[in-house]
Amino acid sequence: MTTNAREPRVHPVPILSLRPTQMTVGMREVKEKRKRWREHGKKKQADLLGTHMIPVVAGPDGRYYVIDHHHLGRALHDEGIKQVRVTVVGDLRMVEKEAFWGVMDNKRWVYPYDSKGERRSFRDLPKSVADLKDDPFRSLAGELRRMGGFAKDTTPFSEFLWADFLRRKLTRKAVDVNFDKALEKALAAAKSKDAIYLPGWCGPASDD
């Protein structure tokens, strides 16, 4: 049997067997994805599960490490989905276990920062998508991008870089108490020269 090159190289895998490569997600985004998922009929859901593949790296311990779509993975888990299709975009099975995270870090396939934006040990990474913690600033950054505050960018973890920028501009309480008001402030900050170093910055053109 021949396989189409675009098809995933593995069969559906248990969603809880996937290892995250980041510590947090924006739970507001996860809830939004869950809402959209529930709006689809059973056939559409089945189609989406067949076409929405989670990109993973194969590790030396035989596990698959998720390098994108953590929000989708968490949303599907919360909706009771047991298995997902994955596509292997990197094969590090030959790497010694002790060197694995160093290689992942070098390739920018891991982001071991907690909900305060502080770097943690690779040991502290969650063991499954069910253990991902909420970072409201990641939700704020995601919403900011959707409303045109900055452009989608290929820089790895670009929305986390924006989340850290916003963390320095607003308090967590401000985000928790009034998300829309926080979003207004975030948009103003995103257009300022302070944000010029960030990926996807699209502030006003300079007059001089």
N, C-alpha and C. Protein backbone atom coordinates (compact mmCIF):
# COMPACT_ATOMS: atom_id res chain seq x y z
N MET A 1 0.85 -1.19 0.00
CA MET A 1 0.00 0.00 0.00
C MET A 1 0.89 1.25 0.00
N THR A 2 0.65 2.14 -0.93
CA THR A 2 1.44 3.37 -0.96
C THR A 2 0.72 4.46 -0.18
N THR A 3 1.50 5.34 0.43
CA THR A 3 0.86 6.43 1.17
C THR A 3 1.14 7.74 0.46
N ASN A 4 0.13 8.54 0.44
CA ASN A 4 0.25 9.87 -0.13
C ASN A 4 1.24 10.66 0.73
N ALA A 5 2.15 11.40 0.11
CA ALA A 5 3.17 12.14 0.85
C ALA A 5 2.55 13.16 1.80
N ARG A 6 1.36 13.62 1.47
CA ARG A 6 0.72 14.64 2.31
C ARG A 6 -0.01 14.03 3.50
N GLU A 7 -0.16 12.73 3.48
CA GLU A 7 -0.86 12.09 4.59
C GLU A 7 0.08 11.97 5.78
N PRO A 8 -0.49 11.94 6.99
CA PRO A 8 0.37 11.79 8.16
C PRO A 8 1.11 10.46 8.10
N ARG A 9 2.31 10.46 8.65
CA ARG A 9 3.11 9.24 8.60
C ARG A 9 2.75 8.28 9.73
N VAL A 10 1.80 8.66 10.54
CA VAL A 10 1.38 7.76 11.61
C VAL A 10 -0.14 7.72 11.66
N HIS A 11 -0.64 6.70 12.33
CA HIS A 11 -2.09 6.55 12.50
C HIS A 11 -2.55 7.46 13.63
N PRO A 12 -3.85 7.54 13.83
CA PRO A 12 -4.33 8.33 14.97
C PRO A 12 -3.66 7.86 16.27
N VAL A 13 -3.34 8.81 17.11
CA VAL A 13 -2.69 8.48 18.38
C VAL A 13 -3.53 9.03 19.53
N PRO A 14 -3.42 8.44 20.72
CA PRO A 14 -4.17 8.96 21.87
C PRO A 14 -3.74 10.38 22.17
N ILE A 15 -4.71 11.26 22.30
CA ILE A 15 -4.41 12.69 22.49
C ILE A 15 -3.60 12.93 23.77
N LEU A 16 -3.86 12.11 24.80
CA LEU A 16 -3.16 12.31 26.06
C LEU A 16 -1.73 11.75 26.04
N SER A 17 -1.37 11.05 24.95
CA SER A 17 0.01 10.56 24.85
C SER A 17 0.94 11.62 24.28
N LEU A 18 0.36 12.68 23.72
CA LEU A 18 1.18 13.73 23.11
C LEU A 18 1.80 14.60 24.19
N ARG A 19 3.09 14.91 24.03
CA ARG A 19 3.79 15.73 25.02
C ARG A 19 3.88 17.18 24.55
N PRO A 20 3.39 18.11 25.34
CA PRO A 20 3.48 19.53 24.97
C PRO A 20 4.93 20.03 24.99
N THR A 21 5.20 21.08 24.22
CA THR A 21 6.52 21.71 24.24
C THR A 21 6.41 23.15 24.74
N GLN A 22 5.27 23.48 25.33
CA GLN A 22 5.10 24.78 25.97
C GLN A 22 4.30 24.54 27.25
N MET A 23 4.31 25.52 28.13
CA MET A 23 3.70 25.33 29.45
C MET A 23 2.29 25.88 29.55
N THR A 24 1.99 26.85 28.67
CA THR A 24 0.71 27.55 28.80
C THR A 24 -0.03 27.65 27.48
N VAL A 25 -1.31 27.94 27.59
CA VAL A 25 -2.14 28.32 26.44
C VAL A 25 -3.04 29.46 26.92
N GLY A 26 -3.68 30.13 25.99
CA GLY A 26 -4.70 31.11 26.36
C GLY A 26 -6.03 30.38 26.44
N MET A 27 -6.53 30.16 27.65
CA MET A 27 -7.77 29.38 27.81
C MET A 27 -8.97 30.05 27.13
N ARG A 28 -8.91 31.35 26.99
CA ARG A 28 -9.98 32.05 26.27
C ARG A 28 -10.01 31.56 24.82
N GLU A 29 -8.85 31.35 24.23
CA GLU A 29 -8.78 30.83 22.86
C GLU A 29 -9.24 29.39 22.80
N VAL A 30 -8.87 28.61 23.82
CA VAL A 30 -9.29 27.20 23.88
C VAL A 30 -10.81 27.13 23.91
N LYS A 31 -11.43 27.98 24.74
CA LYS A 31 -12.91 27.99 24.85
C LYS A 31 -13.54 28.36 23.51
N GLU A 32 -12.93 29.30 22.81
CA GLU A 32 -13.44 29.72 21.51
C GLU A 32 -13.38 28.57 20.51
N LYS A 33 -12.28 27.83 20.55
CA LYS A 33 -12.14 26.67 19.65
C LYS A 33 -13.16 25.58 20.01
N ARG A 34 -13.40 25.39 21.29
CA ARG A 34 -14.40 24.41 21.71
C ARG A 34 -15.78 24.80 21.21
N LYS A 35 -16.09 26.10 21.32
CA LYS A 35 -17.40 26.60 20.88
C LYS A 35 -17.58 26.34 19.38
N ARG A 36 -16.54 26.67 18.60
CA ARG A 36 -16.63 26.46 17.15
C ARG A 36 -16.76 24.97 16.83
N TRP A 37 -16.07 24.13 17.56
CA TRP A 37 -16.13 22.69 17.36
C TRP A 37 -17.56 22.17 17.57
N ARG A 38 -18.20 22.64 18.63
CA ARG A 38 -19.56 22.18 18.95
C ARG A 38 -20.59 22.64 17.94
N GLU A 39 -20.26 23.72 17.22
CA GLU A 39 -21.20 24.23 16.21
C GLU A 39 -21.22 23.37 14.95
N HIS A 40 -20.22 22.51 14.78
CA HIS A 40 -20.17 21.61 13.62
C HIS A 40 -20.98 20.35 13.88
N GLY A 41 -21.53 19.80 12.81
CA GLY A 41 -22.22 18.53 12.93
C GLY A 41 -21.20 17.39 13.02
N LYS A 42 -21.70 16.19 13.29
CA LYS A 42 -20.81 15.03 13.47
C LYS A 42 -19.95 14.76 12.24
N LYS A 43 -20.53 14.90 11.03
CA LYS A 43 -19.76 14.61 9.82
C LYS A 43 -18.63 15.63 9.66
N LYS A 44 -18.96 16.90 9.88
CA LYS A 44 -17.96 17.96 9.76
C LYS A 44 -16.85 17.75 10.79
N GLN A 45 -17.23 17.35 12.00
CA GLN A 45 -16.22 17.08 13.04
C GLN A 45 -15.29 15.95 12.60
N ALA A 46 -15.87 14.90 12.04
CA ALA A 46 -15.06 13.76 11.57
C ALA A 46 -14.11 14.21 10.45
N ASP A 47 -14.63 15.05 9.55
CA ASP A 47 -13.79 15.57 8.45
C ASP A 47 -12.62 16.38 9.00
N LEU A 48 -12.93 17.23 9.99
CA LEU A 48 -11.89 18.07 10.59
C LEU A 48 -10.82 17.23 11.27
N LEU A 49 -11.25 16.17 11.96
CA LEU A 49 -10.28 15.30 12.63
C LEU A 49 -9.39 14.60 11.61
N GLY A 50 -9.94 14.37 10.42
CA GLY A 50 -9.16 13.72 9.37
C GLY A 50 -8.18 14.65 8.70
N THR A 51 -8.48 15.95 8.71
CA THR A 51 -7.63 16.90 7.98
C THR A 51 -6.77 17.79 8.88
N HIS A 52 -7.22 18.03 10.13
CA HIS A 52 -6.44 18.87 11.04
C HIS A 52 -5.41 18.01 11.77
N MET A 53 -4.22 18.00 11.25
CA MET A 53 -3.20 17.16 11.87
C MET A 53 -2.32 17.99 12.80
N ILE A 54 -1.96 17.39 13.92
CA ILE A 54 -1.11 18.06 14.90
C ILE A 54 0.35 17.80 14.52
N PRO A 55 1.15 18.86 14.30
CA PRO A 55 2.55 18.64 13.94
C PRO A 55 3.38 18.23 15.17
N VAL A 56 4.13 17.16 15.00
CA VAL A 56 4.90 16.63 16.13
C VAL A 56 6.33 16.31 15.73
N VAL A 57 7.18 16.17 16.75
CA VAL A 57 8.55 15.68 16.58
C VAL A 57 8.61 14.33 17.30
N ALA A 58 9.19 13.35 16.64
CA ALA A 58 9.36 12.03 17.26
C ALA A 58 10.61 12.07 18.13
N GLY A 59 10.44 11.75 19.41
CA GLY A 59 11.56 11.81 20.36
C GLY A 59 12.21 10.45 20.58
N PRO A 60 13.37 10.46 21.25
CA PRO A 60 14.11 9.22 21.46
C PRO A 60 13.43 8.26 22.43
N ASP A 61 12.44 8.76 23.18
CA ASP A 61 11.72 7.90 24.13
C ASP A 61 10.48 7.28 23.49
N GLY A 62 10.34 7.44 22.16
CA GLY A 62 9.19 6.85 21.47
C GLY A 62 7.94 7.71 21.57
N ARG A 63 8.05 8.88 22.18
CA ARG A 63 6.88 9.76 22.31
C ARG A 63 6.85 10.80 21.20
N TYR A 64 5.66 11.37 21.03
CA TYR A 64 5.51 12.46 20.06
C TYR A 64 5.37 13.78 20.82
N TYR A 65 6.16 14.77 20.39
CA TYR A 65 6.18 16.08 21.04
C TYR A 65 5.49 17.10 20.13
N VAL A 66 4.41 17.70 20.64
CA VAL A 66 3.61 18.65 19.86
C VAL A 66 4.39 19.95 19.70
N ILE A 67 4.55 20.44 18.46
CA ILE A 67 5.26 21.71 18.29
C ILE A 67 4.35 22.84 17.76
N ASP A 68 3.08 22.56 17.60
CA ASP A 68 2.13 23.61 17.22
C ASP A 68 0.72 23.08 17.50
N HIS A 69 -0.26 23.98 17.47
CA HIS A 69 -1.67 23.63 17.68
C HIS A 69 -1.95 23.09 19.08
N HIS A 70 -1.23 23.61 20.08
CA HIS A 70 -1.52 23.22 21.46
C HIS A 70 -2.95 23.60 21.86
N HIS A 71 -3.41 24.76 21.38
CA HIS A 71 -4.77 25.20 21.72
C HIS A 71 -5.81 24.24 21.17
N LEU A 72 -5.60 23.81 19.93
CA LEU A 72 -6.53 22.87 19.30
C LEU A 72 -6.50 21.54 20.05
N GLY A 73 -5.31 21.07 20.38
CA GLY A 73 -5.19 19.79 21.11
C GLY A 73 -5.92 19.84 22.44
N ARG A 74 -5.74 20.93 23.17
CA ARG A 74 -6.41 21.06 24.46
C ARG A 74 -7.93 21.15 24.27
N ALA A 75 -8.35 21.91 23.26
CA ALA A 75 -9.79 22.06 23.01
C ALA A 75 -10.42 20.71 22.67
N LEU A 76 -9.77 19.93 21.82
CA LEU A 76 -10.31 18.62 21.44
C LEU A 76 -10.37 17.69 22.64
N HIS A 77 -9.33 17.73 23.46
CA HIS A 77 -9.33 16.90 24.68
C HIS A 77 -10.50 17.29 25.58
N ASP A 78 -10.68 18.60 25.78
CA ASP A 78 -11.76 19.08 26.64
C ASP A 78 -13.14 18.72 26.08
N GLU A 79 -13.21 18.51 24.76
CA GLU A 79 -14.47 18.12 24.13
C GLU A 79 -14.66 16.60 24.10
N GLY A 80 -13.72 15.89 24.73
CA GLY A 80 -13.88 14.44 24.85
C GLY A 80 -13.29 13.62 23.72
N ILE A 81 -12.55 14.27 22.83
CA ILE A 81 -11.90 13.54 21.73
C ILE A 81 -10.73 12.73 22.29
N LYS A 82 -10.68 11.46 21.94
CA LYS A 82 -9.65 10.57 22.51
C LYS A 82 -8.41 10.43 21.63
N GLN A 83 -8.61 10.56 20.30
CA GLN A 83 -7.49 10.36 19.39
C GLN A 83 -7.42 11.47 18.35
N VAL A 84 -6.20 11.78 17.92
CA VAL A 84 -6.01 12.77 16.86
C VAL A 84 -4.97 12.24 15.88
N ARG A 85 -5.01 12.79 14.68
CA ARG A 85 -3.98 12.46 13.71
C ARG A 85 -2.81 13.42 13.89
N VAL A 86 -1.62 12.89 13.70
CA VAL A 86 -0.44 13.74 13.80
C VAL A 86 0.38 13.62 12.52
N THR A 87 1.16 14.63 12.26
CA THR A 87 2.10 14.56 11.14
C THR A 87 3.50 14.81 11.71
N VAL A 88 4.41 13.91 11.42
CA VAL A 88 5.77 13.99 11.97
C VAL A 88 6.59 14.96 11.12
N VAL A 89 6.92 16.12 11.70
CA VAL A 89 7.68 17.12 10.96
C VAL A 89 9.16 17.10 11.34
N GLY A 90 9.48 16.34 12.37
CA GLY A 90 10.88 16.22 12.76
C GLY A 90 11.11 14.87 13.42
N ASP A 91 12.21 14.21 13.08
CA ASP A 91 12.53 12.91 13.65
C ASP A 91 13.82 13.00 14.45
N LEU A 92 13.69 12.98 15.78
CA LEU A 92 14.87 13.05 16.65
C LEU A 92 15.03 11.76 17.45
N ARG A 93 14.56 10.67 16.88
CA ARG A 93 14.64 9.39 17.61
C ARG A 93 16.07 8.95 17.84
N MET A 94 17.01 9.42 16.97
CA MET A 94 18.39 9.00 17.10
C MET A 94 19.18 9.82 18.12
N VAL A 95 18.57 10.91 18.60
CA VAL A 95 19.26 11.78 19.56
C VAL A 95 19.29 11.13 20.94
N GLU A 96 20.42 11.23 21.64
CA GLU A 96 20.48 10.70 23.01
C GLU A 96 19.50 11.46 23.89
N LYS A 97 18.85 10.73 24.81
CA LYS A 97 17.82 11.34 25.65
C LYS A 97 18.32 12.59 26.37
N GLU A 98 19.56 12.54 26.86
CA GLU A 98 20.11 13.67 27.62
C GLU A 98 20.25 14.92 26.74
N ALA A 99 20.41 14.71 25.43
CA ALA A 99 20.64 15.84 24.52
C ALA A 99 19.35 16.34 23.87
N PHE A 100 18.26 15.60 24.04
CA PHE A 100 17.02 15.87 23.30
C PHE A 100 16.52 17.31 23.47
N TRP A 101 16.37 17.77 24.73
CA TRP A 101 15.79 19.10 24.93
C TRP A 101 16.71 20.20 24.43
N GLY A 102 18.02 19.96 24.52
CA GLY A 102 18.96 20.95 23.98
C GLY A 102 18.79 21.11 22.48
N VAL A 103 18.58 20.00 21.80
CA VAL A 103 18.36 20.03 20.34
C VAL A 103 17.02 20.72 20.04
N MET A 104 15.99 20.37 20.80
CA MET A 104 14.68 21.00 20.61
C MET A 104 14.77 22.51 20.81
N ASP A 105 15.52 22.92 21.84
CA ASP A 105 15.69 24.34 22.14
C ASP A 105 16.43 25.04 21.00
N ASN A 106 17.47 24.39 20.51
CA ASN A 106 18.27 24.96 19.42
C ASN A 106 17.44 25.15 18.16
N LYS A 107 16.49 24.24 17.92
CA LYS A 107 15.63 24.33 16.74
C LYS A 107 14.41 25.22 16.99
N ARG A 108 14.32 25.74 18.21
CA ARG A 108 13.19 26.58 18.61
C ARG A 108 11.86 25.82 18.50
N TRP A 109 11.91 24.58 18.95
CA TRP A 109 10.73 23.72 18.98
C TRP A 109 10.18 23.56 20.39
N VAL A 110 10.70 24.35 21.33
CA VAL A 110 10.21 24.26 22.70
C VAL A 110 10.21 25.67 23.30
N TYR A 111 9.23 25.93 24.19
CA TYR A 111 9.11 27.25 24.80
C TYR A 111 8.79 27.05 26.28
N PRO A 112 9.84 26.81 27.10
CA PRO A 112 9.61 26.46 28.51
C PRO A 112 9.42 27.66 29.43
N TYR A 113 8.43 28.50 29.14
CA TYR A 113 8.17 29.67 29.95
C TYR A 113 6.80 29.54 30.62
N ASP A 114 6.73 29.92 31.89
CA ASP A 114 5.48 29.75 32.63
C ASP A 114 4.52 30.93 32.43
N SER A 115 3.42 30.93 33.19
CA SER A 115 2.38 31.95 32.99
C SER A 115 2.80 33.33 33.50
N LYS A 116 3.99 33.42 34.09
CA LYS A 116 4.54 34.73 34.46
C LYS A 116 5.59 35.17 33.46
N GLY A 117 5.81 34.36 32.43
CA GLY A 117 6.81 34.68 31.42
C GLY A 117 8.22 34.32 31.85
N GLU A 118 8.34 33.51 32.90
CA GLU A 118 9.66 33.14 33.41
C GLU A 118 10.09 31.77 32.90
N ARG A 119 11.36 31.66 32.50
CA ARG A 119 11.87 30.40 31.97
C ARG A 119 11.99 29.37 33.08
N ARG A 120 11.58 28.16 32.76
CA ARG A 120 11.62 27.06 33.73
C ARG A 120 12.45 25.91 33.17
N SER A 121 12.70 24.93 34.02
CA SER A 121 13.42 23.73 33.60
C SER A 121 12.56 22.93 32.62
N PHE A 122 13.21 22.23 31.70
CA PHE A 122 12.46 21.38 30.76
C PHE A 122 11.65 20.33 31.52
N ARG A 123 12.13 19.96 32.71
CA ARG A 123 11.42 18.96 33.53
C ARG A 123 10.03 19.45 33.92
N ASP A 124 9.86 20.78 33.95
CA ASP A 124 8.57 21.35 34.38
C ASP A 124 7.53 21.40 33.28
N LEU A 125 7.91 21.03 32.06
CA LEU A 125 6.92 21.03 30.97
C LEU A 125 5.80 20.05 31.29
N PRO A 126 4.57 20.39 30.91
CA PRO A 126 3.44 19.49 31.19
C PRO A 126 3.63 18.15 30.49
N LYS A 127 3.05 17.12 31.10
CA LYS A 127 3.16 15.77 30.53
C LYS A 127 2.07 15.48 29.51
N SER A 128 1.01 16.30 29.51
CA SER A 128 -0.06 16.12 28.51
C SER A 128 -0.77 17.44 28.30
N VAL A 129 -1.59 17.52 27.24
CA VAL A 129 -2.32 18.75 26.95
C VAL A 129 -3.29 19.10 28.08
N ALA A 130 -3.68 18.09 28.87
CA ALA A 130 -4.61 18.33 29.98
C ALA A 130 -3.95 19.17 31.07
N ASP A 131 -2.61 19.19 31.09
CA ASP A 131 -1.88 19.89 32.15
C ASP A 131 -1.43 21.29 31.76
N LEU A 132 -1.78 21.74 30.55
CA LEU A 132 -1.39 23.08 30.13
C LEU A 132 -2.10 24.13 31.00
N LYS A 133 -1.34 25.13 31.46
CA LYS A 133 -1.90 26.17 32.33
C LYS A 133 -2.36 27.38 31.51
N ASP A 134 -3.21 28.18 32.11
CA ASP A 134 -3.75 29.36 31.44
C ASP A 134 -2.80 30.54 31.56
N ASP A 135 -2.56 31.22 30.46
CA ASP A 135 -1.85 32.50 30.47
C ASP A 135 -2.76 33.52 29.78
N PRO A 136 -3.45 34.38 30.56
CA PRO A 136 -4.39 35.33 29.96
C PRO A 136 -3.73 36.26 28.95
N PHE A 137 -2.41 36.50 29.13
CA PHE A 137 -1.72 37.39 28.20
C PHE A 137 -1.54 36.71 26.84
N ARG A 138 -1.52 35.39 26.83
CA ARG A 138 -1.46 34.66 25.56
C ARG A 138 -2.80 34.81 24.83
N SER A 139 -3.90 34.78 25.59
CA SER A 139 -5.22 35.03 25.00
C SER A 139 -5.30 36.45 24.46
N LEU A 140 -4.75 37.41 25.22
CA LEU A 140 -4.77 38.81 24.81
C LEU A 140 -3.98 38.98 23.51
N ALA A 141 -2.82 38.34 23.44
CA ALA A 141 -2.00 38.43 22.22
C ALA A 141 -2.72 37.80 21.03
N GLY A 142 -3.38 36.68 21.24
CA GLY A 142 -4.10 36.01 20.16
C GLY A 142 -5.23 36.87 19.62
N GLU A 143 -5.96 37.49 20.53
CA GLU A 143 -7.08 38.36 20.13
C GLU A 143 -6.55 39.62 19.44
N LEU A 144 -5.42 40.13 19.95
CA LEU A 144 -4.80 41.31 19.36
C LEU A 144 -4.39 41.04 17.91
N ARG A 145 -3.85 39.87 17.66
CA ARG A 145 -3.46 39.52 16.28
C ARG A 145 -4.70 39.41 15.39
N ARG A 146 -5.76 38.79 15.91
CA ARG A 146 -6.97 38.61 15.09
C ARG A 146 -7.60 39.95 14.70
N MET A 147 -7.44 40.96 15.56
CA MET A 147 -8.04 42.26 15.23
C MET A 147 -7.05 43.16 14.48
N GLY A 148 -5.92 42.62 14.07
CA GLY A 148 -4.98 43.38 13.24
C GLY A 148 -3.94 44.17 14.00
N GLY A 149 -3.79 43.90 15.31
CA GLY A 149 -2.79 44.60 16.11
C GLY A 149 -1.37 44.29 15.69
N PHE A 150 -1.17 43.06 15.18
CA PHE A 150 0.11 42.69 14.58
C PHE A 150 -0.15 41.59 13.57
N ALA A 151 0.80 41.41 12.66
CA ALA A 151 0.61 40.45 11.58
C ALA A 151 1.06 39.05 11.99
N LYS A 152 0.40 38.05 11.44
CA LYS A 152 0.85 36.67 11.67
C LYS A 152 2.25 36.54 11.13
N ASP A 153 3.10 35.86 11.87
CA ASP A 153 4.52 35.82 11.53
C ASP A 153 5.03 34.40 11.68
N THR A 154 6.06 34.05 10.91
CA THR A 154 6.58 32.68 10.98
C THR A 154 7.55 32.49 12.15
N THR A 155 7.90 33.59 12.84
CA THR A 155 8.80 33.46 13.99
C THR A 155 8.18 32.49 15.01
N PRO A 156 8.93 31.46 15.43
CA PRO A 156 8.37 30.51 16.40
C PRO A 156 7.91 31.22 17.67
N PHE A 157 6.74 30.82 18.16
CA PHE A 157 6.19 31.33 19.41
C PHE A 157 6.03 32.85 19.41
N SER A 158 5.77 33.44 18.22
CA SER A 158 5.67 34.90 18.13
C SER A 158 4.57 35.46 19.04
N GLU A 159 3.47 34.73 19.20
CA GLU A 159 2.40 35.26 20.05
C GLU A 159 2.79 35.26 21.52
N PHE A 160 3.72 34.37 21.90
CA PHE A 160 4.23 34.41 23.27
C PHE A 160 5.14 35.62 23.48
N LEU A 161 5.88 36.00 22.44
CA LEU A 161 6.72 37.20 22.54
C LEU A 161 5.84 38.43 22.74
N TRP A 162 4.72 38.46 22.04
CA TRP A 162 3.76 39.56 22.22
C TRP A 162 3.12 39.48 23.60
N ALA A 163 2.82 38.28 24.06
CA ALA A 163 2.23 38.12 25.40
C ALA A 163 3.17 38.69 26.46
N ASP A 164 4.47 38.44 26.31
CA ASP A 164 5.43 38.96 27.28
C ASP A 164 5.53 40.48 27.22
N PHE A 165 5.44 41.02 26.02
CA PHE A 165 5.43 42.48 25.86
C PHE A 165 4.22 43.08 26.60
N LEU A 166 3.04 42.46 26.39
CA LEU A 166 1.81 42.96 27.01
C LEU A 166 1.84 42.79 28.53
N ARG A 167 2.54 41.75 28.99
CA ARG A 167 2.67 41.49 30.43
C ARG A 167 3.37 42.67 31.14
N ARG A 168 4.24 43.33 30.38
CA ARG A 168 4.97 44.47 30.95
C ARG A 168 4.16 45.77 30.86
N LYS A 169 3.07 45.74 30.10
CA LYS A 169 2.25 46.94 29.90
C LYS A 169 0.98 46.95 30.75
N LEU A 170 0.51 45.77 31.10
CA LEU A 170 -0.78 45.64 31.81
C LEU A 170 -0.64 44.67 32.98
N THR A 171 -1.48 44.84 33.99
CA THR A 171 -1.48 43.87 35.08
C THR A 171 -2.39 42.70 34.72
N ARG A 172 -2.13 41.56 35.34
CA ARG A 172 -2.98 40.40 35.10
C ARG A 172 -4.41 40.70 35.56
N LYS A 173 -4.52 41.44 36.65
CA LYS A 173 -5.85 41.78 37.17
C LYS A 173 -6.65 42.57 36.13
N ALA A 174 -5.96 43.50 35.45
CA ALA A 174 -6.63 44.31 34.43
C ALA A 174 -7.18 43.43 33.31
N VAL A 175 -6.42 42.40 32.93
CA VAL A 175 -6.85 41.49 31.87
C VAL A 175 -8.01 40.62 32.35
N ASP A 176 -7.91 40.14 33.59
CA ASP A 176 -8.96 39.26 34.14
C ASP A 176 -10.28 40.01 34.36
N VAL A 177 -10.19 41.27 34.82
CA VAL A 177 -11.40 42.02 35.19
C VAL A 177 -12.15 42.55 33.96
N ASN A 178 -11.42 43.09 32.99
CA ASN A 178 -12.09 43.67 31.82
C ASN A 178 -11.22 43.41 30.57
N PHE A 179 -11.47 42.28 29.94
CA PHE A 179 -10.67 41.85 28.80
C PHE A 179 -10.74 42.86 27.65
N ASP A 180 -11.95 43.37 27.37
CA ASP A 180 -12.11 44.30 26.24
C ASP A 180 -11.33 45.60 26.45
N LYS A 181 -11.38 46.09 27.68
CA LYS A 181 -10.64 47.31 27.99
C LYS A 181 -9.13 47.05 27.88
N ALA A 182 -8.71 45.88 28.37
CA ALA A 182 -7.30 45.50 28.29
C ALA A 182 -6.87 45.40 26.82
N LEU A 183 -7.78 44.92 25.98
CA LEU A 183 -7.49 44.78 24.56
C LEU A 183 -7.28 46.14 23.90
N GLU A 184 -8.07 47.13 24.32
CA GLU A 184 -7.89 48.50 23.81
C GLU A 184 -6.50 49.03 24.15
N LYS A 185 -6.09 48.81 25.39
CA LYS A 185 -4.77 49.26 25.83
C LYS A 185 -3.67 48.49 25.11
N ALA A 186 -3.92 47.20 24.90
CA ALA A 186 -2.95 46.36 24.19
C ALA A 186 -2.76 46.85 22.76
N LEU A 187 -3.86 47.25 22.11
CA LEU A 187 -3.77 47.73 20.73
C LEU A 187 -2.96 49.02 20.65
N ALA A 188 -3.18 49.92 21.62
CA ALA A 188 -2.41 51.17 21.65
C ALA A 188 -0.92 50.87 21.85
N ALA A 189 -0.63 49.94 22.74
CA ALA A 189 0.77 49.57 23.01
C ALA A 189 1.41 48.91 21.79
N ALA A 190 0.61 48.11 21.08
CA ALA A 190 1.12 47.39 19.91
C ALA A 190 1.50 48.33 18.78
N LYS A 191 0.83 49.47 18.72
CA LYS A 191 1.11 50.43 17.64
C LYS A 191 2.26 51.38 18.00
N SER A 192 2.72 51.30 19.24
CA SER A 192 3.77 52.22 19.69
C SER A 192 5.15 51.75 19.23
N LYS A 193 6.10 52.68 19.30
CA LYS A 193 7.49 52.35 18.92
C LYS A 193 8.10 51.33 19.89
N ASP A 194 7.53 51.22 21.10
CA ASP A 194 8.04 50.24 22.07
C ASP A 194 8.00 48.82 21.53
N ALA A 195 7.04 48.59 20.61
CA ALA A 195 6.82 47.23 20.11
C ALA A 195 7.53 46.96 18.78
N ILE A 196 8.35 47.91 18.34
CA ILE A 196 8.92 47.83 16.99
C ILE A 196 9.79 46.60 16.76
N TYR A 197 10.34 46.04 17.85
CA TYR A 197 11.24 44.88 17.73
C TYR A 197 10.49 43.56 17.62
N LEU A 198 9.19 43.59 17.82
CA LEU A 198 8.42 42.34 17.86
C LEU A 198 8.04 41.84 16.47
N PRO A 199 7.96 40.51 16.30
CA PRO A 199 7.59 39.94 14.99
C PRO A 199 6.18 40.34 14.58
N GLY A 200 6.03 40.79 13.33
CA GLY A 200 4.70 41.15 12.85
C GLY A 200 4.26 42.54 13.23
N TRP A 201 5.17 43.36 13.82
CA TRP A 201 4.79 44.72 14.21
C TRP A 201 4.29 45.49 13.00
N CYS A 202 3.17 46.16 13.13
CA CYS A 202 2.66 46.95 12.01
C CYS A 202 2.13 48.28 12.54
N GLY A 203 2.99 48.94 13.30
CA GLY A 203 2.65 50.25 13.85
C GLY A 203 2.58 51.29 12.76
N PRO A 204 2.23 52.51 13.12
CA PRO A 204 2.09 53.56 12.10
C PRO A 204 3.43 53.87 11.43
N ALA A 205 3.36 54.19 10.15
CA ALA A 205 4.59 54.56 9.42
C ALA A 205 5.16 55.85 10.00
N SER A 206 6.46 55.94 10.03
CA SER A 206 7.11 57.14 10.57
C SER A 206 6.95 58.31 9.61
N ASP A 207 6.75 59.50 10.17
CA ASP A 207 6.61 60.70 9.33
C ASP A 207 7.95 61.29 8.96
N ASP A 208 9.00 60.93 9.74
CA ASP A 208 10.28 61.59 9.45
C ASP A 208 11.18 60.75 8.55
